[in-house]
Amino acid sequence: MRKFHKDRNYYYDMQREVTSQHIIPFIEKVRPLKPGDKVIEIGCGEAGVLEAFLSRGHQCTGVDLAEGKIELGRSRQSNFIESGQLRLECADVLAPGVKESLGAPFDVIVLKDVIEHIPDQESFIPQLKSLLSSDGVIFFGFPPWQMPFGGHQQMITNKFLSRVPYIHLLPLKVYMWLLKMSGEKEKKRNSLAFHVKTGISIERFEKCVRLAPDLDLAHKTHFLFNPIYSLKFGLPTLTQLPILRSIPWLRNFFTTCVYYLVK
């Protein structure tokens, strides 16, 4: 497992930096942000992404289903929480009554590396409209399922298997058998199997948005090299080649990350 998966401080810093350098500028191509704008991140983890918004004076809320990550975020961001600029909650943002208690509507909704972990995206994405202000936007950033490590197999304990691209595209029974034979624990096997069921392609994501009432694709960028790779591996941030970007389905195999803005 590489350093950025084991060292949560290092991972946190990367989230903050990629948000400052890439995500916020991407959002502002469509909607310039103003101090005091209300931002919510769904699947916020320890709130590394939100720190970039906090430093600009935005009012931030983070929600995550992992209580341990929320507690770490509260410890790390205690100053912002005490000042009232940040709120972190362990909650399902679409559960009855939760959005009202969190102070919806929001001007910016952020889902970074989250939508590919959520079941029933066709139902989930349209519901985000209920959290959004009239001129608000939703940011999605995710790896297409068919990309070389779209199954998050880099988290596999076995060093060899964790470095094998496209292994997550094997038939599920074969994939699970390989994991078991490599000594992977049941909990991790179940987590990786769950992601097989929730991984999302470019085409299916765009279809989910097209079918959502009152939501429209406002801006998108497909990356050959994910912006965060500059911090992980020292690679340059490269957008996808136009010829590959234009070929449905095939582009999923060679696009390591996509950014979308929905309004």
Protein backbone atom coordinates (compact mmCIF):
# COMPACT_ATOMS: atom_id res chain seq x y z
CA MET A 1 0.00 0.00 0.00
CA ARG A 2 1.49 3.34 -1.02
CA LYS A 3 2.25 6.17 1.40
CA PHE A 4 -0.84 8.21 0.58
CA HIS A 5 -3.12 5.30 1.53
CA LYS A 6 -1.42 4.65 4.87
CA ASP A 7 -0.59 8.24 5.88
CA ARG A 8 -3.90 10.03 6.46
CA ASN A 9 -2.15 13.37 7.03
CA TYR A 10 -0.48 13.12 3.62
CA TYR A 11 -3.76 12.08 2.01
CA TYR A 12 -5.57 14.97 3.72
CA ASP A 13 -3.03 17.49 2.43
CA MET A 14 -3.42 16.15 -1.12
CA GLN A 15 -7.20 16.57 -0.95
CA ARG A 16 -6.81 20.19 0.13
CA GLU A 17 -4.24 21.00 -2.54
CA VAL A 18 -6.05 19.36 -5.47
CA THR A 19 -9.21 21.21 -4.46
CA SER A 20 -7.43 24.57 -4.34
CA GLN A 21 -5.51 24.03 -7.55
CA HIS A 22 -8.07 22.23 -9.70
CA ILE A 23 -11.58 21.74 -8.31
CA ILE A 24 -12.36 25.32 -7.25
CA PRO A 25 -11.04 26.79 -10.54
CA PHE A 26 -13.13 24.20 -12.41
CA ILE A 27 -16.27 25.24 -10.50
CA GLU A 28 -15.57 28.93 -11.05
CA LYS A 29 -15.54 28.51 -14.82
CA VAL A 30 -19.33 28.29 -14.45
CA ARG A 31 -20.14 29.86 -11.09
CA PRO A 32 -17.74 32.32 -9.43
CA LEU A 33 -17.68 31.70 -5.68
CA LYS A 34 -18.26 34.45 -3.14
CA PRO A 35 -17.24 34.58 0.54
CA GLY A 36 -20.15 33.29 2.57
CA ASP A 37 -21.39 30.89 -0.09
CA LYS A 38 -22.68 27.70 1.51
CA VAL A 39 -20.79 24.55 0.55
CA ILE A 40 -21.65 20.97 1.47
CA GLU A 41 -19.48 17.95 0.76
CA ILE A 42 -21.13 14.54 0.68
CA GLY A 43 -18.65 11.86 1.71
CA CYS A 44 -16.33 14.44 3.25
CA GLY A 45 -14.05 12.07 5.17
CA GLU A 46 -11.73 14.14 7.35
CA ALA A 47 -12.71 17.35 5.48
CA GLY A 48 -9.51 17.86 3.50
CA VAL A 49 -11.47 19.05 0.48
CA LEU A 50 -13.53 21.42 2.61
CA GLU A 51 -10.44 23.07 4.08
CA ALA A 52 -9.78 24.64 0.68
CA PHE A 53 -13.26 26.22 0.74
CA LEU A 54 -12.93 27.24 4.39
CA SER A 55 -9.73 29.15 3.66
CA ARG A 56 -11.70 31.24 1.15
CA GLY A 57 -14.35 32.20 3.69
CA HIS A 58 -17.13 29.86 2.63
CA GLN A 59 -19.65 28.43 5.09
CA CYS A 60 -19.08 24.67 4.99
CA THR A 61 -20.89 21.50 5.98
CA GLY A 62 -19.54 17.98 5.65
CA VAL A 63 -21.43 14.71 5.92
CA ASP A 64 -20.09 11.18 5.90
CA LEU A 65 -21.38 7.76 6.96
CA ALA A 66 -18.04 6.88 8.59
CA GLU A 67 -18.19 8.17 12.15
CA GLY A 68 -14.47 7.67 12.70
CA LYS A 69 -13.59 9.99 9.81
CA ILE A 70 -16.01 12.62 11.05
CA GLU A 71 -14.40 12.51 14.49
CA LEU A 72 -10.94 12.93 12.94
CA GLY A 73 -12.24 15.86 10.91
CA ARG A 74 -13.71 17.50 13.99
CA SER A 75 -10.39 17.17 15.78
CA ARG A 76 -8.41 18.56 12.87
CA GLN A 77 -10.84 21.40 12.11
CA SER A 78 -11.77 22.36 15.67
CA ASN A 79 -10.99 26.07 15.09
CA PHE A 80 -13.38 26.33 12.13
CA ILE A 81 -16.04 24.38 14.03
CA GLU A 82 -15.74 26.58 17.11
CA SER A 83 -16.04 29.71 14.97
CA GLY A 84 -19.24 28.36 13.39
CA GLN A 85 -17.81 28.26 9.86
CA LEU A 86 -17.81 24.45 9.66
CA ARG A 87 -20.18 21.70 10.65
CA LEU A 88 -19.37 17.99 10.33
CA GLU A 89 -22.05 15.35 10.76
CA CYS A 90 -22.22 11.57 10.51
CA ALA A 91 -25.45 11.31 8.53
CA ASP A 92 -27.20 10.23 5.35
CA VAL A 93 -27.81 13.58 3.71
CA LEU A 94 -30.99 12.39 1.98
CA ALA A 95 -32.58 10.79 5.05
CA PRO A 96 -35.88 12.39 6.15
CA GLY A 97 -35.31 15.67 7.99
CA VAL A 98 -31.51 15.70 7.59
CA LYS A 99 -31.27 18.30 4.83
CA GLU A 100 -33.38 20.75 6.85
CA SER A 101 -31.26 20.24 9.95
CA LEU A 102 -28.09 20.85 7.93
CA GLY A 103 -29.33 24.20 6.66
CA ALA A 104 -30.16 23.47 3.02
CA PRO A 105 -30.18 24.88 0.40
CA PHE A 106 -26.49 25.04 -0.54
CA ASP A 107 -24.69 27.00 -3.24
CA VAL A 108 -22.16 24.25 -3.97
CA ILE A 109 -22.50 20.51 -3.47
CA VAL A 110 -19.27 18.51 -3.75
CA LEU A 111 -18.96 14.79 -4.41
CA LYS A 112 -15.30 13.94 -4.96
CA ASP A 113 -14.55 10.23 -5.44
CA VAL A 114 -17.94 9.43 -3.92
CA ILE A 115 -20.59 8.82 -6.59
CA GLU A 116 -18.85 5.57 -7.64
CA HIS A 117 -19.49 4.21 -4.11
CA ILE A 118 -23.21 5.03 -3.94
CA PRO A 119 -25.82 2.41 -4.92
CA ASP A 120 -28.71 3.31 -7.23
CA GLN A 121 -27.14 6.44 -8.70
CA GLU A 122 -30.15 6.84 -11.00
CA SER A 123 -32.28 7.60 -7.96
CA PHE A 124 -29.63 9.38 -5.88
CA ILE A 125 -28.50 12.07 -8.35
CA PRO A 126 -31.95 13.62 -9.00
CA GLN A 127 -32.54 13.93 -5.24
CA LEU A 128 -29.55 16.28 -4.90
CA LYS A 129 -31.68 19.01 -6.49
CA SER A 130 -33.55 19.33 -3.19
CA LEU A 131 -30.30 20.46 -1.51
CA LEU A 132 -29.41 23.08 -4.10
CA SER A 133 -30.02 26.83 -4.16
CA SER A 134 -31.59 28.34 -7.29
CA ASP A 135 -28.20 29.24 -8.82
CA GLY A 136 -26.25 26.47 -7.15
CA VAL A 137 -23.99 23.85 -8.75
CA ILE A 138 -22.99 20.25 -8.05
CA PHE A 139 -19.42 19.09 -8.57
CA PHE A 140 -18.73 15.43 -9.35
CA GLY A 141 -15.24 14.00 -9.67
CA PHE A 142 -14.75 10.26 -10.11
CA PRO A 143 -12.73 7.57 -11.91
CA PRO A 144 -14.71 5.84 -14.67
CA TRP A 145 -15.28 2.22 -13.70
CA GLN A 146 -13.35 0.69 -16.60
CA MET A 147 -10.18 2.75 -16.11
CA PRO A 148 -7.04 0.80 -15.10
CA PHE A 149 -7.61 1.12 -11.33
CA GLY A 150 -11.32 1.96 -11.36
CA GLY A 151 -12.01 -0.82 -8.86
CA HIS A 152 -9.73 0.78 -6.24
CA GLN A 153 -7.74 -2.44 -6.38
CA GLN A 154 -4.70 -0.44 -5.28
CA MET A 155 -6.16 -1.01 -1.79
CA ILE A 156 -5.61 -4.78 -2.08
CA THR A 157 -3.17 -6.02 0.56
CA ASN A 158 -1.28 -8.28 -1.84
CA LYS A 159 1.35 -6.01 -3.42
CA PHE A 160 1.35 -7.80 -6.77
CA LEU A 161 -2.43 -7.80 -7.25
CA SER A 162 -2.65 -4.18 -6.06
CA ARG A 163 -0.51 -3.18 -9.05
CA VAL A 164 -2.39 -5.12 -11.73
CA PRO A 165 -4.48 -2.79 -13.93
CA TYR A 166 -7.97 -3.80 -15.05
CA ILE A 167 -8.07 -6.80 -12.69
CA HIS A 168 -11.39 -5.51 -11.31
CA LEU A 169 -12.99 -6.13 -14.73
CA LEU A 170 -12.67 -9.90 -14.36
CA PRO A 171 -15.92 -11.80 -13.73
CA LEU A 172 -16.84 -11.16 -10.11
CA LYS A 173 -16.48 -14.80 -9.01
CA VAL A 174 -12.99 -14.99 -10.54
CA TYR A 175 -11.99 -11.67 -8.99
CA MET A 176 -13.22 -12.73 -5.55
CA TRP A 177 -11.47 -16.10 -5.87
CA LEU A 178 -8.17 -14.39 -6.68
CA LEU A 179 -8.56 -12.10 -3.67
CA LYS A 180 -9.32 -15.02 -1.39
CA MET A 181 -6.37 -17.07 -2.70
CA SER A 182 -4.09 -14.06 -2.14
CA GLY A 183 -5.08 -14.01 1.53
CA GLU A 184 -7.35 -10.95 1.42
CA LYS A 185 -9.63 -10.76 4.45
CA GLU A 186 -13.38 -11.15 4.02
CA LYS A 187 -14.16 -7.55 4.99
CA LYS A 188 -11.90 -6.16 2.26
CA ARG A 189 -13.23 -8.69 -0.27
CA ASN A 190 -16.79 -7.62 0.48
CA SER A 191 -15.84 -3.96 0.12
CA LEU A 192 -14.23 -4.53 -3.27
CA ALA A 193 -17.19 -6.65 -4.40
CA PHE A 194 -19.56 -3.86 -3.40
CA HIS A 195 -17.60 -1.44 -5.56
CA VAL A 196 -17.97 -3.79 -8.52
CA LYS A 197 -21.72 -3.20 -8.21
CA THR A 198 -21.54 0.58 -7.80
CA GLY A 199 -18.73 1.61 -10.17
CA ILE A 200 -20.03 4.04 -12.78
CA SER A 201 -19.07 4.74 -16.39
CA ILE A 202 -19.01 8.11 -18.14
CA GLU A 203 -22.03 7.14 -20.22
CA ARG A 204 -24.14 6.00 -17.29
CA PHE A 205 -23.31 9.09 -15.27
CA GLU A 206 -24.30 11.42 -18.11
CA LYS A 207 -27.50 9.43 -18.61
CA CYS A 208 -28.37 9.80 -14.89
CA VAL A 209 -28.04 13.57 -15.20
CA ARG A 210 -29.98 13.78 -18.46
CA LEU A 211 -32.89 11.89 -16.90
CA ALA A 212 -32.89 14.02 -13.73
CA PRO A 213 -35.63 16.69 -13.80
CA ASP A 214 -34.29 20.26 -13.60
CA LEU A 215 -30.61 19.25 -13.68
CA ASP A 216 -28.27 19.96 -16.60
CA LEU A 217 -24.63 19.28 -17.43
CA ALA A 218 -22.92 22.66 -17.37
CA HIS A 219 -19.24 21.80 -17.76
CA LYS A 220 -17.00 18.74 -17.98
CA THR A 221 -13.34 17.77 -18.30
CA HIS A 222 -11.97 14.30 -18.90
CA PHE A 223 -8.40 13.64 -17.78
CA LEU A 224 -5.80 11.30 -19.21
CA PHE A 225 -3.87 11.86 -15.95
CA ASN A 226 -5.96 12.64 -12.87
CA PRO A 227 -4.98 16.04 -11.36
CA ILE A 228 -4.17 14.37 -8.06
CA TYR A 229 -1.50 12.27 -9.81
CA SER A 230 0.72 15.36 -9.80
CA LEU A 231 0.76 15.12 -5.99
CA LYS A 232 0.81 11.32 -5.76
CA PHE A 233 3.30 10.48 -8.49
CA GLY A 234 4.73 13.76 -9.78
CA LEU A 235 2.95 13.30 -13.13
CA PRO A 236 1.67 16.29 -15.11
CA THR A 237 -2.07 16.92 -15.19
CA LEU A 238 -3.19 16.06 -18.73
CA THR A 239 -6.67 16.28 -20.21
CA GLN A 240 -7.89 13.43 -22.38
CA LEU A 241 -6.99 13.40 -26.07
CA PRO A 242 -9.94 14.71 -28.13
CA ILE A 243 -10.12 11.60 -30.29
CA LEU A 244 -10.45 9.31 -27.24
CA ARG A 245 -12.74 11.70 -25.40
CA SER A 246 -15.19 11.48 -28.30
CA ILE A 247 -15.47 7.68 -28.44
CA PRO A 248 -18.15 6.36 -26.05
CA TRP A 249 -17.26 3.34 -23.91
CA LEU A 250 -13.69 3.09 -25.21
CA ARG A 251 -12.78 6.34 -23.44
CA ASN A 252 -13.64 4.78 -20.06
CA PHE A 253 -10.62 2.47 -20.31
CA PHE A 254 -8.11 5.31 -20.74
CA THR A 255 -9.62 8.18 -18.75
CA THR A 256 -8.35 8.15 -15.17
CA CYS A 257 -10.70 10.86 -13.86
CA VAL A 258 -13.62 13.03 -14.94
CA TYR A 259 -14.85 16.34 -13.54
CA TYR A 260 -18.48 17.36 -14.07
CA LEU A 261 -20.43 20.41 -13.01
CA VAL A 262 -24.20 20.11 -12.89
CA LYS A 263 -26.68 22.92 -12.31
